[in-house]
Protein backbone atom coordinates (compact mmCIF):
# COMPACT_ATOMS: atom_id res chain seq x y z
CA MET A 1 -10.11 6.84 134.80
CA ALA A 2 -7.30 4.98 133.80
CA ALA A 3 -3.93 5.75 135.43
CA LYS A 4 -1.10 6.52 133.23
CA LYS A 5 1.42 4.09 133.03
CA ASP A 6 5.19 5.27 134.52
CA LYS A 7 7.49 4.92 131.53
CA PRO A 8 10.97 6.21 131.96
CA ILE A 9 11.30 9.91 129.60
CA ARG A 10 13.61 9.19 127.01
CA LEU A 11 15.21 12.61 126.07
CA ASP A 12 16.90 11.26 123.08
CA GLU A 13 13.61 10.42 121.29
CA LEU A 14 11.21 13.74 122.06
CA THR A 15 10.10 16.01 119.02
CA GLN A 16 11.51 19.69 118.95
CA GLU A 17 8.53 21.02 120.49
CA GLU A 18 9.09 18.42 123.44
CA LYS A 19 12.82 18.93 123.83
CA LEU A 20 11.98 23.39 124.13
CA LYS A 21 9.42 22.24 126.73
CA TYR A 22 11.71 20.50 128.59
CA GLU A 23 14.49 23.20 128.39
CA ILE A 24 12.31 25.85 129.40
CA ALA A 25 11.43 23.89 132.43
CA GLU A 26 14.89 23.54 133.28
CA GLU A 27 15.75 27.40 132.44
CA LEU A 28 12.63 28.24 134.91
CA GLY A 29 14.36 25.63 137.69
CA LEU A 30 11.29 23.15 137.38
CA LEU A 31 12.34 20.41 135.30
CA ASP A 32 14.00 18.38 138.39
CA ARG A 33 10.19 18.27 140.10
CA VAL A 34 8.51 17.49 136.01
CA MET A 35 11.12 14.29 136.30
CA LYS A 36 10.20 13.61 139.77
CA ASP A 37 6.55 13.75 139.61
CA GLY A 38 5.18 14.91 135.88
CA TRP A 39 4.05 17.98 134.49
CA ARG A 40 0.57 17.50 136.07
CA SER A 41 2.74 18.53 139.41
CA LEU A 42 3.12 22.02 138.17
CA SER A 43 0.78 25.20 138.90
CA SER A 44 -1.20 26.64 136.26
CA LYS A 45 1.30 29.80 136.41
CA GLU A 46 4.21 27.38 135.85
CA THR A 47 2.74 26.06 132.81
CA GLY A 48 1.41 29.07 131.33
CA ARG A 49 4.75 30.42 131.75
CA ILE A 50 6.66 27.49 130.00
CA GLY A 51 3.70 27.71 127.02
CA GLY A 52 4.65 31.60 126.74
CA MET A 53 8.22 31.08 126.81
CA MET A 54 8.07 28.64 124.10
CA THR A 55 5.60 30.93 121.65
CA LYS A 56 8.16 33.22 122.20
CA LYS A 57 11.53 31.28 121.17
CA LYS A 58 9.48 29.87 117.94
CA LYS A 59 8.69 33.29 116.41
CA GLU A 60 12.17 33.79 116.98
CA LEU A 61 13.05 31.19 115.07
CA ASN A 62 10.98 31.60 112.52
CA ASN A 63 11.84 34.88 111.98
CA ALA A 64 15.52 34.92 112.52
């Protein structure tokens, strides 16, 4: 499998969904690790927590 090229993350070019994902990672204290080692450095429990919180926030935005 080809390795993914290391390119810096441009926070100003992210979609709304990606911004939400980074926001939640920051709330959970995981953003530093994600920025340093990438999303693969997180456990399945941590990524599941992020996904669950994203779903909850999306529902709240749609119902508001």
